PDB file of all heavy atoms in Angstrom:
ATOM      1  N   PHE A   1      25.792  19.343 -21.302  1.00  0.00           N
ATOM      2  CA  PHE A   1      25.123  20.716 -21.352  1.00  0.00           C
ATOM      3  C   PHE A   1      23.600  20.553 -21.599  1.00  0.00           C
ATOM      4  O   PHE A   1      23.024  21.408 -22.239  1.00  0.00           O
ATOM      5  CB  PHE A   1      25.745  21.578 -22.424  1.00  0.00           C
ATOM      6  CG  PHE A   1      27.253  21.715 -22.221  1.00  0.00           C
ATOM      7  CD1 PHE A   1      28.153  21.044 -22.989  1.00  0.00           C
ATOM      8  CD2 PHE A   1      27.830  22.554 -21.204  1.00  0.00           C
ATOM      9  CE1 PHE A   1      29.565  21.093 -22.970  1.00  0.00           C
ATOM     10  CE2 PHE A   1      29.140  22.617 -21.018  1.00  0.00           C
ATOM     11  CZ  PHE A   1      30.036  21.840 -21.858  1.00  0.00           C
ATOM     12  N   ILE A   2      22.988  19.545 -21.001  1.00  0.00           N
ATOM     13  CA  ILE A   2      21.496  19.457 -21.082  1.00  0.00           C
ATOM     14  C   ILE A   2      20.901  19.939 -19.824  1.00  0.00           C
ATOM     15  O   ILE A   2      21.236  19.632 -18.735  1.00  0.00           O
ATOM     16  CB  ILE A   2      21.113  17.935 -21.330  1.00  0.00           C
ATOM     17  CG1 ILE A   2      21.708  17.392 -22.669  1.00  0.00           C
ATOM     18  CG2 ILE A   2      19.608  17.753 -21.206  1.00  0.00           C
ATOM     19  CD1 ILE A   2      21.656  15.852 -22.778  1.00  0.00           C
ATOM     20  N   GLU A   3      19.991  20.997 -20.083  1.00  0.00           N
ATOM     21  CA  GLU A   3      19.348  21.683 -18.862  1.00  0.00           C
ATOM     22  C   GLU A   3      18.322  20.603 -18.312  1.00  0.00           C
ATOM     23  O   GLU A   3      17.631  19.972 -19.046  1.00  0.00           O
ATOM     24  CB  GLU A   3      18.666  22.835 -19.389  1.00  0.00           C
ATOM     25  CG  GLU A   3      19.636  23.989 -19.754  1.00  0.00           C
ATOM     26  CD  GLU A   3      18.957  25.299 -20.108  1.00  0.00           C
ATOM     27  OE1 GLU A   3      17.687  25.350 -19.996  1.00  0.00           O
ATOM     28  OE2 GLU A   3      19.668  26.241 -20.509  1.00  0.00           O
ATOM     29  N   PHE A   4      18.163  20.758 -16.999  1.00  0.00           N
ATOM     30  CA  PHE A   4      17.138  19.844 -16.340  1.00  0.00           C
ATOM     31  C   PHE A   4      16.676  20.554 -15.130  1.00  0.00           C
ATOM     32  O   PHE A   4      17.210  21.511 -14.561  1.00  0.00           O
ATOM     33  CB  PHE A   4      17.775  18.540 -15.941  1.00  0.00           C
ATOM     34  CG  PHE A   4      18.927  18.644 -14.937  1.00  0.00           C
ATOM     35  CD1 PHE A   4      18.610  18.581 -13.546  1.00  0.00           C
ATOM     36  CD2 PHE A   4      20.162  18.823 -15.384  1.00  0.00           C
ATOM     37  CE1 PHE A   4      19.667  18.712 -12.563  1.00  0.00           C
ATOM     38  CE2 PHE A   4      21.207  18.851 -14.415  1.00  0.00           C
ATOM     39  CZ  PHE A   4      20.938  18.893 -13.096  1.00  0.00           C
ATOM     40  N   THR A   5      15.444  20.152 -14.715  1.00  0.00           N
ATOM     41  CA  THR A   5      14.838  20.545 -13.418  1.00  0.00           C
ATOM     42  C   THR A   5      14.581  19.308 -12.606  1.00  0.00           C
ATOM     43  O   THR A   5      14.497  18.209 -13.121  1.00  0.00           O
ATOM     44  CB  THR A   5      13.527  21.408 -13.641  1.00  0.00           C
ATOM     45  OG1 THR A   5      12.630  20.509 -14.270  1.00  0.00           O
ATOM     46  CG2 THR A   5      13.791  22.591 -14.382  1.00  0.00           C
ATOM     47  N   LYS A   6      14.544  19.476 -11.212  1.00  0.00           N
ATOM     48  CA  LYS A   6      14.192  18.331 -10.492  1.00  0.00           C
ATOM     49  C   LYS A   6      13.308  18.772  -9.312  1.00  0.00           C
ATOM     50  O   LYS A   6      13.320  19.874  -8.866  1.00  0.00           O
ATOM     51  CB  LYS A   6      15.404  17.663  -9.936  1.00  0.00           C
ATOM     52  CG  LYS A   6      16.295  18.420  -8.962  1.00  0.00           C
ATOM     53  CD  LYS A   6      17.508  17.531  -8.510  1.00  0.00           C
ATOM     54  CE  LYS A   6      18.317  18.341  -7.421  1.00  0.00           C
ATOM     55  NZ  LYS A   6      19.387  17.497  -6.945  1.00  0.00           N
ATOM     56  N   GLU A   7      12.456  17.811  -8.849  1.00  0.00           N
ATOM     57  CA  GLU A   7      11.571  18.105  -7.737  1.00  0.00           C
ATOM     58  C   GLU A   7      11.289  16.829  -6.909  1.00  0.00           C
ATOM     59  O   GLU A   7      11.408  15.764  -7.452  1.00  0.00           O
ATOM     60  CB  GLU A   7      10.221  18.641  -8.272  1.00  0.00           C
ATOM     61  CG  GLU A   7       9.527  17.693  -9.281  1.00  0.00           C
ATOM     62  CD  GLU A   7       8.344  18.321  -9.899  1.00  0.00           C
ATOM     63  OE1 GLU A   7       7.784  19.387  -9.526  1.00  0.00           O
ATOM     64  OE2 GLU A   7       7.846  17.732 -10.896  1.00  0.00           O
ATOM     65  N   LYS A   8      10.919  17.091  -5.649  1.00  0.00           N
ATOM     66  CA  LYS A   8      10.641  16.018  -4.814  1.00  0.00           C
ATOM     67  C   LYS A   8       9.067  15.678  -4.933  1.00  0.00           C
ATOM     68  O   LYS A   8       8.279  16.635  -4.913  1.00  0.00           O
ATOM     69  CB  LYS A   8      10.917  16.331  -3.345  1.00  0.00           C
ATOM     70  CG  LYS A   8      12.304  16.281  -2.929  1.00  0.00           C
ATOM     71  CD  LYS A   8      12.538  16.596  -1.461  1.00  0.00           C
ATOM     72  CE  LYS A   8      13.958  16.638  -1.084  1.00  0.00           C
ATOM     73  NZ  LYS A   8      14.208  16.906   0.406  1.00  0.00           N
ATOM     74  N   LEU A   9       8.840  14.367  -5.043  1.00  0.00           N
ATOM     75  CA  LEU A   9       7.360  13.978  -5.221  1.00  0.00           C
ATOM     76  C   LEU A   9       7.080  12.975  -4.082  1.00  0.00           C
ATOM     77  O   LEU A   9       7.923  12.210  -3.644  1.00  0.00           O
ATOM     78  CB  LEU A   9       7.126  13.279  -6.493  1.00  0.00           C
ATOM     79  CG  LEU A   9       7.475  14.078  -7.811  1.00  0.00           C
ATOM     80  CD1 LEU A   9       7.096  13.137  -9.051  1.00  0.00           C
ATOM     81  CD2 LEU A   9       6.589  15.262  -7.905  1.00  0.00           C
ATOM     82  N   GLU A  10       5.840  13.085  -3.674  1.00  0.00           N
ATOM     83  CA  GLU A  10       5.264  12.041  -2.653  1.00  0.00           C
ATOM     84  C   GLU A  10       3.906  11.677  -3.299  1.00  0.00           C
ATOM     85  O   GLU A  10       3.181  12.574  -3.686  1.00  0.00           O
ATOM     86  CB  GLU A  10       4.987  12.724  -1.322  1.00  0.00           C
ATOM     87  CG  GLU A  10       4.473  11.773  -0.374  1.00  0.00           C
ATOM     88  CD  GLU A  10       4.109  12.455   1.003  1.00  0.00           C
ATOM     89  OE1 GLU A  10       5.034  12.398   1.840  1.00  0.00           O
ATOM     90  OE2 GLU A  10       3.029  13.025   1.226  1.00  0.00           O
ATOM     91  N   GLN A  11       3.631  10.427  -3.310  1.00  0.00           N
ATOM     92  CA  GLN A  11       2.317   9.908  -3.881  1.00  0.00           C
ATOM     93  C   GLN A  11       1.872   8.631  -3.232  1.00  0.00           C
ATOM     94  O   GLN A  11       2.609   7.843  -2.646  1.00  0.00           O
ATOM     95  CB  GLN A  11       2.481   9.732  -5.420  1.00  0.00           C
ATOM     96  CG  GLN A  11       3.367   8.605  -5.838  1.00  0.00           C
ATOM     97  CD  GLN A  11       3.572   8.614  -7.357  1.00  0.00           C
ATOM     98  OE1 GLN A  11       3.944   9.730  -7.954  1.00  0.00           O
ATOM     99  NE2 GLN A  11       3.325   7.490  -7.941  1.00  0.00           N
ATOM    100  N   PHE A  12       0.588   8.499  -3.309  1.00  0.00           N
ATOM    101  CA  PHE A  12      -0.105   7.233  -2.762  1.00  0.00           C
ATOM    102  C   PHE A  12      -1.359   6.936  -3.580  1.00  0.00           C
ATOM    103  O   PHE A  12      -1.833   7.814  -4.390  1.00  0.00           O
ATOM    104  CB  PHE A  12      -0.404   7.488  -1.218  1.00  0.00           C
ATOM    105  CG  PHE A  12      -1.329   8.602  -0.910  1.00  0.00           C
ATOM    106  CD1 PHE A  12      -2.676   8.432  -0.989  1.00  0.00           C
ATOM    107  CD2 PHE A  12      -0.721   9.798  -0.604  1.00  0.00           C
ATOM    108  CE1 PHE A  12      -3.621   9.467  -0.666  1.00  0.00           C
ATOM    109  CE2 PHE A  12      -1.598  10.891  -0.310  1.00  0.00           C
ATOM    110  CZ  PHE A  12      -3.026  10.729  -0.433  1.00  0.00           C
ATOM    111  N   TYR A  13      -1.965   5.883  -3.271  1.00  0.00           N
ATOM    112  CA  TYR A  13      -3.110   5.336  -4.095  1.00  0.00           C
ATOM    113  C   TYR A  13      -4.267   5.026  -3.194  1.00  0.00           C
ATOM    114  O   TYR A  13      -4.093   4.386  -2.145  1.00  0.00           O
ATOM    115  CB  TYR A  13      -2.679   4.110  -4.935  1.00  0.00           C
ATOM    116  CG  TYR A  13      -1.715   4.500  -5.983  1.00  0.00           C
ATOM    117  CD1 TYR A  13      -0.368   4.658  -5.758  1.00  0.00           C
ATOM    118  CD2 TYR A  13      -2.148   4.697  -7.358  1.00  0.00           C
ATOM    119  CE1 TYR A  13       0.522   5.019  -6.687  1.00  0.00           C
ATOM    120  CE2 TYR A  13      -1.162   5.128  -8.317  1.00  0.00           C
ATOM    121  CZ  TYR A  13       0.099   5.190  -8.040  1.00  0.00           C
ATOM    122  OH  TYR A  13       0.997   5.519  -8.995  1.00  0.00           O
ATOM    123  N   LEU A  14      -5.528   5.333  -3.662  1.00  0.00           N
ATOM    124  CA  LEU A  14      -6.699   4.865  -3.013  1.00  0.00           C
ATOM    125  C   LEU A  14      -7.214   3.585  -3.808  1.00  0.00           C
ATOM    126  O   LEU A  14      -7.761   2.731  -3.204  1.00  0.00           O
ATOM    127  CB  LEU A  14      -7.839   5.936  -2.944  1.00  0.00           C
ATOM    128  CG  LEU A  14      -7.495   7.242  -2.210  1.00  0.00           C
ATOM    129  CD1 LEU A  14      -8.728   8.042  -2.130  1.00  0.00           C
ATOM    130  CD2 LEU A  14      -6.995   6.940  -0.820  1.00  0.00           C
ATOM    131  N   VAL A  15      -6.931   3.640  -5.042  1.00  0.00           N
ATOM    132  CA  VAL A  15      -7.183   2.487  -5.902  1.00  0.00           C
ATOM    133  C   VAL A  15      -5.976   2.228  -6.810  1.00  0.00           C
ATOM    134  O   VAL A  15      -5.397   3.158  -7.398  1.00  0.00           O
ATOM    135  CB  VAL A  15      -8.400   2.674  -6.899  1.00  0.00           C
ATOM    136  CG1 VAL A  15      -8.636   1.521  -7.784  1.00  0.00           C
ATOM    137  CG2 VAL A  15      -9.706   3.058  -6.112  1.00  0.00           C
ATOM    138  N   ALA A  16      -5.563   1.007  -6.841  1.00  0.00           N
ATOM    139  CA  ALA A  16      -4.362   0.723  -7.692  1.00  0.00           C
ATOM    140  C   ALA A  16      -4.454  -0.795  -8.216  1.00  0.00           C
ATOM    141  O   ALA A  16      -4.028  -1.681  -7.663  1.00  0.00           O
ATOM    142  CB  ALA A  16      -3.040   0.786  -6.864  1.00  0.00           C
ATOM    143  N   THR A  17      -5.183  -0.842  -9.319  1.00  0.00           N
ATOM    144  CA  THR A  17      -5.326  -2.151 -10.037  1.00  0.00           C
ATOM    145  C   THR A  17      -4.647  -2.088 -11.366  1.00  0.00           C
ATOM    146  O   THR A  17      -4.193  -1.020 -11.827  1.00  0.00           O
ATOM    147  CB  THR A  17      -6.823  -2.552 -10.231  1.00  0.00           C
ATOM    148  OG1 THR A  17      -7.360  -1.642 -11.109  1.00  0.00           O
ATOM    149  CG2 THR A  17      -7.479  -2.643  -8.891  1.00  0.00           C
ATOM    150  N   ILE A  18      -4.577  -3.158 -12.113  1.00  0.00           N
ATOM    151  CA  ILE A  18      -3.942  -3.185 -13.402  1.00  0.00           C
ATOM    152  C   ILE A  18      -4.705  -2.131 -14.384  1.00  0.00           C
ATOM    153  O   ILE A  18      -4.097  -1.494 -15.190  1.00  0.00           O
ATOM    154  CB  ILE A  18      -3.868  -4.594 -14.050  1.00  0.00           C
ATOM    155  CG1 ILE A  18      -2.931  -5.447 -13.148  1.00  0.00           C
ATOM    156  CG2 ILE A  18      -3.407  -4.560 -15.470  1.00  0.00           C
ATOM    157  CD1 ILE A  18      -2.900  -6.973 -13.520  1.00  0.00           C
ATOM    158  N   GLU A  19      -5.933  -2.173 -14.396  1.00  0.00           N
ATOM    159  CA  GLU A  19      -6.715  -1.379 -15.296  1.00  0.00           C
ATOM    160  C   GLU A  19      -7.140   0.014 -14.814  1.00  0.00           C
ATOM    161  O   GLU A  19      -7.534   0.825 -15.625  1.00  0.00           O
ATOM    162  CB  GLU A  19      -8.060  -2.167 -15.689  1.00  0.00           C
ATOM    163  CG  GLU A  19      -7.764  -3.416 -16.533  1.00  0.00           C
ATOM    164  CD  GLU A  19      -7.212  -3.168 -17.882  1.00  0.00           C
ATOM    165  OE1 GLU A  19      -7.411  -2.066 -18.477  1.00  0.00           O
ATOM    166  OE2 GLU A  19      -6.211  -3.903 -18.311  1.00  0.00           O
ATOM    167  N   LYS A  20      -7.026   0.193 -13.501  1.00  0.00           N
ATOM    168  CA  LYS A  20      -7.589   1.461 -12.973  1.00  0.00           C
ATOM    169  C   LYS A  20      -6.742   1.988 -11.807  1.00  0.00           C
ATOM    170  O   LYS A  20      -6.489   1.091 -10.878  1.00  0.00           O
ATOM    171  CB  LYS A  20      -9.050   1.335 -12.667  1.00  0.00           C
ATOM    172  CG  LYS A  20      -9.749   2.679 -12.095  1.00  0.00           C
ATOM    173  CD  LYS A  20     -11.215   2.477 -11.841  1.00  0.00           C
ATOM    174  CE  LYS A  20     -11.915   3.786 -11.333  1.00  0.00           C
ATOM    175  NZ  LYS A  20     -13.296   3.535 -11.043  1.00  0.00           N
ATOM    176  N   THR A  21      -6.504   3.254 -11.627  1.00  0.00           N
ATOM    177  CA  THR A  21      -5.830   3.792 -10.564  1.00  0.00           C
ATOM    178  C   THR A  21      -6.376   5.098 -10.144  1.00  0.00           C
ATOM    179  O   THR A  21      -6.835   5.895 -11.026  1.00  0.00           O
ATOM    180  CB  THR A  21      -4.263   3.977 -10.786  1.00  0.00           C
ATOM    181  OG1 THR A  21      -4.091   4.936 -11.884  1.00  0.00           O
ATOM    182  CG2 THR A  21      -3.640   2.708 -11.147  1.00  0.00           C
ATOM    183  N   LEU A  22      -6.369   5.380  -8.844  1.00  0.00           N
ATOM    184  CA  LEU A  22      -6.806   6.715  -8.303  1.00  0.00           C
ATOM    185  C   LEU A  22      -5.603   7.087  -7.465  1.00  0.00           C
ATOM    186  O   LEU A  22      -5.396   6.565  -6.411  1.00  0.00           O
ATOM    187  CB  LEU A  22      -8.037   6.656  -7.541  1.00  0.00           C
ATOM    188  CG  LEU A  22      -8.505   7.979  -6.859  1.00  0.00           C
ATOM    189  CD1 LEU A  22      -8.693   9.062  -7.879  1.00  0.00           C
ATOM    190  CD2 LEU A  22      -9.804   7.682  -6.127  1.00  0.00           C
ATOM    191  N   ARG A  23      -4.841   8.191  -7.869  1.00  0.00           N
ATOM    192  CA  ARG A  23      -3.624   8.545  -7.174  1.00  0.00           C
ATOM    193  C   ARG A  23      -3.672   9.960  -6.719  1.00  0.00           C
ATOM    194  O   ARG A  23      -4.248  10.860  -7.372  1.00  0.00           O
ATOM    195  CB  ARG A  23      -2.539   8.412  -8.229  1.00  0.00           C
ATOM    196  CG  ARG A  23      -1.093   8.803  -7.659  1.00  0.00           C
ATOM    197  CD  ARG A  23      -0.061   8.854  -8.806  1.00  0.00           C
ATOM    198  NE  ARG A  23      -0.313  10.111  -9.567  1.00  0.00           N
ATOM    199  CZ  ARG A  23       0.055  10.301 -10.756  1.00  0.00           C
ATOM    200  NH1 ARG A  23       0.659   9.338 -11.473  1.00  0.00           N
ATOM    201  NH2 ARG A  23      -0.127  11.480 -11.419  1.00  0.00           N
ATOM    202  N   TYR A  24      -3.096  10.213  -5.571  1.00  0.00           N
ATOM    203  CA  TYR A  24      -2.839  11.495  -5.064  1.00  0.00           C
ATOM    204  C   TYR A  24      -1.284  11.795  -5.007  1.00  0.00           C
ATOM    205  O   TYR A  24      -0.562  10.931  -4.721  1.00  0.00           O
ATOM    206  CB  TYR A  24      -3.387  11.702  -3.568  1.00  0.00           C
ATOM    207  CG  TYR A  24      -4.881  11.905  -3.582  1.00  0.00           C
ATOM    208  CD1 TYR A  24      -5.736  10.824  -3.682  1.00  0.00           C
ATOM    209  CD2 TYR A  24      -5.443  13.162  -3.422  1.00  0.00           C
ATOM    210  CE1 TYR A  24      -7.076  11.008  -3.614  1.00  0.00           C
ATOM    211  CE2 TYR A  24      -6.806  13.350  -3.378  1.00  0.00           C
ATOM    212  CZ  TYR A  24      -7.662  12.261  -3.478  1.00  0.00           C
ATOM    213  OH  TYR A  24      -9.006  12.476  -3.472  1.00  0.00           O
ATOM    214  N   ARG A  25      -0.934  13.063  -5.435  1.00  0.00           N
ATOM    215  CA  ARG A  25       0.440  13.381  -5.502  1.00  0.00           C
ATOM    216  C   ARG A  25       0.725  14.755  -5.017  1.00  0.00           C
ATOM    217  O   ARG A  25      -0.021  15.810  -5.315  1.00  0.00           O
ATOM    218  CB  ARG A  25       0.947  13.274  -7.004  1.00  0.00           C
ATOM    219  CG  ARG A  25       2.488  13.708  -7.118  1.00  0.00           C
ATOM    220  CD  ARG A  25       2.834  13.725  -8.544  1.00  0.00           C
ATOM    221  NE  ARG A  25       3.214  12.350  -8.988  1.00  0.00           N
ATOM    222  CZ  ARG A  25       3.257  11.951 -10.282  1.00  0.00           C
ATOM    223  NH1 ARG A  25       3.056  12.840 -11.218  1.00  0.00           N
ATOM    224  NH2 ARG A  25       3.588  10.710 -10.529  1.00  0.00           N
ATOM    225  N   LYS A  26       1.755  14.888  -4.199  1.00  0.00           N
ATOM    226  CA  LYS A  26       2.293  16.177  -3.809  1.00  0.00           C
ATOM    227  C   LYS A  26       3.567  16.502  -4.572  1.00  0.00           C
ATOM    228  O   LYS A  26       4.555  15.800  -4.558  1.00  0.00           O
ATOM    229  CB  LYS A  26       2.615  16.053  -2.297  1.00  0.00           C
ATOM    230  CG  LYS A  26       3.182  17.335  -1.687  1.00  0.00           C
ATOM    231  CD  LYS A  26       3.673  17.135  -0.251  1.00  0.00           C
ATOM    232  CE  LYS A  26       4.257  18.379   0.297  1.00  0.00           C
ATOM    233  NZ  LYS A  26       4.818  18.158   1.698  1.00  0.00           N
ATOM    234  N   GLU A  27       3.458  17.742  -5.300  1.00  0.00           N
ATOM    235  CA  GLU A  27       4.670  18.244  -5.999  1.00  0.00           C
ATOM    236  C   GLU A  27       4.915  19.656  -5.437  1.00  0.00           C
ATOM    237  O   GLU A  27       4.262  20.600  -5.708  1.00  0.00           O
ATOM    238  CB  GLU A  27       4.299  18.386  -7.522  1.00  0.00           C
ATOM    239  CG  GLU A  27       4.026  17.063  -8.154  1.00  0.00           C
ATOM    240  CD  GLU A  27       3.657  17.136  -9.585  1.00  0.00           C
ATOM    241  OE1 GLU A  27       3.964  18.308 -10.193  1.00  0.00           O
ATOM    242  OE2 GLU A  27       3.038  16.251 -10.201  1.00  0.00           O
ATOM    243  N   GLY A  28       6.056  19.739  -4.704  1.00  0.00           N
ATOM    244  CA  GLY A  28       6.378  21.036  -4.038  1.00  0.00           C
ATOM    245  C   GLY A  28       5.265  21.376  -3.040  1.00  0.00           C
ATOM    246  O   GLY A  28       4.939  20.671  -2.172  1.00  0.00           O
ATOM    247  N   LYS A  29       4.618  22.542  -3.297  1.00  0.00           N
ATOM    248  CA  LYS A  29       3.513  22.976  -2.490  1.00  0.00           C
ATOM    249  C   LYS A  29       2.112  22.758  -3.129  1.00  0.00           C
ATOM    250  O   LYS A  29       1.077  23.272  -2.608  1.00  0.00           O
ATOM    251  CB  LYS A  29       3.611  24.496  -2.147  1.00  0.00           C
ATOM    252  CG  LYS A  29       4.827  24.714  -1.258  1.00  0.00           C
ATOM    253  CD  LYS A  29       4.998  26.199  -0.906  1.00  0.00           C
ATOM    254  CE  LYS A  29       6.260  26.405   0.045  1.00  0.00           C
ATOM    255  NZ  LYS A  29       6.353  27.908   0.295  1.00  0.00           N
ATOM    256  N   SER A  30       2.058  21.993  -4.297  1.00  0.00           N
ATOM    257  CA  SER A  30       0.868  21.736  -4.925  1.00  0.00           C
ATOM    258  C   SER A  30       0.457  20.236  -4.800  1.00  0.00           C
ATOM    259  O   SER A  30       1.244  19.438  -4.608  1.00  0.00           O
ATOM    260  CB  SER A  30       1.089  22.052  -6.466  1.00  0.00           C
ATOM    261  OG  SER A  30       1.429  23.349  -6.678  1.00  0.00           O
ATOM    262  N   TYR A  31      -0.850  20.065  -4.816  1.00  0.00           N
ATOM    263  CA  TYR A  31      -1.414  18.750  -4.596  1.00  0.00           C
ATOM    264  C   TYR A  31      -2.316  18.353  -5.723  1.00  0.00           C
ATOM    265  O   TYR A  31      -3.154  19.258  -6.238  1.00  0.00           O
ATOM    266  CB  TYR A  31      -2.188  18.701  -3.273  1.00  0.00           C
ATOM    267  CG  TYR A  31      -1.381  19.084  -2.108  1.00  0.00           C
ATOM    268  CD1 TYR A  31      -1.220  20.503  -1.754  1.00  0.00           C
ATOM    269  CD2 TYR A  31      -0.640  18.136  -1.351  1.00  0.00           C
ATOM    270  CE1 TYR A  31      -0.470  20.853  -0.705  1.00  0.00           C
ATOM    271  CE2 TYR A  31       0.113  18.515  -0.277  1.00  0.00           C
ATOM    272  CZ  TYR A  31       0.263  19.879   0.018  1.00  0.00           C
ATOM    273  OH  TYR A  31       1.038  20.318   1.142  1.00  0.00           O
ATOM    274  N   PHE A  32      -2.389  17.120  -6.233  1.00  0.00           N
ATOM    275  CA  PHE A  32      -3.074  16.666  -7.367  1.00  0.00           C
ATOM    276  C   PHE A  32      -3.682  15.374  -7.189  1.00  0.00           C
ATOM    277  O   PHE A  32      -3.126  14.508  -6.544  1.00  0.00           O
ATOM    278  CB  PHE A  32      -2.185  16.627  -8.650  1.00  0.00           C
ATOM    279  CG  PHE A  32      -1.533  17.902  -9.052  1.00  0.00           C
ATOM    280  CD1 PHE A  32      -0.250  18.172  -8.588  1.00  0.00           C
ATOM    281  CD2 PHE A  32      -2.171  18.794  -9.787  1.00  0.00           C
ATOM    282  CE1 PHE A  32       0.386  19.420  -8.791  1.00  0.00           C
ATOM    283  CE2 PHE A  32      -1.610  20.025 -10.213  1.00  0.00           C
ATOM    284  CZ  PHE A  32      -0.314  20.316  -9.697  1.00  0.00           C
ATOM    285  N   LYS A  33      -4.957  15.168  -7.748  1.00  0.00           N
ATOM    286  CA  LYS A  33      -5.601  13.927  -7.799  1.00  0.00           C
ATOM    287  C   LYS A  33      -5.616  13.414  -9.323  1.00  0.00           C
ATOM    288  O   LYS A  33      -6.084  14.174 -10.217  1.00  0.00           O
ATOM    289  CB  LYS A  33      -7.022  14.025  -7.208  1.00  0.00           C
ATOM    290  CG  LYS A  33      -7.792  12.713  -7.264  1.00  0.00           C
ATOM    291  CD  LYS A  33      -9.177  12.810  -6.446  1.00  0.00           C
ATOM    292  CE  LYS A  33     -10.193  13.540  -7.342  1.00  0.00           C
ATOM    293  NZ  LYS A  33     -11.483  13.465  -6.743  1.00  0.00           N
ATOM    294  N   THR A  34      -5.208  12.224  -9.512  1.00  0.00           N
ATOM    295  CA  THR A  34      -5.187  11.736 -10.922  1.00  0.00           C
ATOM    296  C   THR A  34      -5.915  10.379 -10.929  1.00  0.00           C
ATOM    297  O   THR A  34      -5.489   9.470 -10.187  1.00  0.00           O
ATOM    298  CB  THR A  34      -3.714  11.615 -11.406  1.00  0.00           C
ATOM    299  OG1 THR A  34      -3.045  12.863 -11.158  1.00  0.00           O
ATOM    300  CG2 THR A  34      -3.692  11.288 -12.799  1.00  0.00           C
ATOM    301  N   SER A  35      -6.701  10.264 -11.947  1.00  0.00           N
ATOM    302  CA  SER A  35      -7.307   8.832 -12.203  1.00  0.00           C
ATOM    303  C   SER A  35      -6.858   8.391 -13.613  1.00  0.00           C
ATOM    304  O   SER A  35      -6.750   9.195 -14.531  1.00  0.00           O
ATOM    305  CB  SER A  35      -8.782   8.872 -12.144  1.00  0.00           C
ATOM    306  OG  SER A  35      -9.408   9.803 -13.083  1.00  0.00           O
ATOM    307  N   LYS A  36      -6.482   7.144 -13.708  1.00  0.00           N
ATOM    308  CA  LYS A  36      -6.023   6.546 -14.890  1.00  0.00           C
ATOM    309  C   LYS A  36      -6.763   5.341 -15.205  1.00  0.00           C
ATOM    310  O   LYS A  36      -7.066   4.509 -14.303  1.00  0.00           O
ATOM    311  CB  LYS A  36      -4.482   6.266 -14.860  1.00  0.00           C
ATOM    312  CG  LYS A  36      -3.657   7.580 -14.741  1.00  0.00           C
ATOM    313  CD  LYS A  36      -2.163   7.140 -14.836  1.00  0.00           C
ATOM    314  CE  LYS A  36      -1.343   8.404 -14.647  1.00  0.00           C
ATOM    315  NZ  LYS A  36       0.181   8.120 -14.862  1.00  0.00           N
ATOM    316  N   LYS A  37      -7.025   5.031 -16.551  1.00  0.00           N
ATOM    317  CA  LYS A  37      -7.617   3.777 -17.034  1.00  0.00           C
ATOM    318  C   LYS A  37      -6.747   3.165 -18.063  1.00  0.00           C
ATOM    319  O   LYS A  37      -6.212   3.911 -18.871  1.00  0.00           O
ATOM    320  CB  LYS A  37      -9.017   4.083 -17.602  1.00  0.00           C
ATOM    321  CG  LYS A  37     -10.083   4.376 -16.528  1.00  0.00           C
ATOM    322  CD  LYS A  37     -11.409   4.541 -17.179  1.00  0.00           C
ATOM    323  CE  LYS A  37     -12.484   4.893 -16.133  1.00  0.00           C
ATOM    324  NZ  LYS A  37     -13.833   5.178 -16.808  1.00  0.00           N
ATOM    325  N   GLY A  38      -6.631   1.890 -18.102  1.00  0.00           N
ATOM    326  CA  GLY A  38      -5.819   1.187 -19.103  1.00  0.00           C
ATOM    327  C   GLY A  38      -4.458   0.801 -18.551  1.00  0.00           C
ATOM    328  O   GLY A  38      -4.045   1.201 -17.458  1.00  0.00           O
TER     329      GLY A  38
END
């Protein structure tokens, strides 16, 4: 009886190294750009 939600995701990378990533993601009808370090 644990409630959950689910969604389809699509994502790709312009930069994808161990220390740094630049990612684009599609969630439903929304679009996001994410950069990560570390």
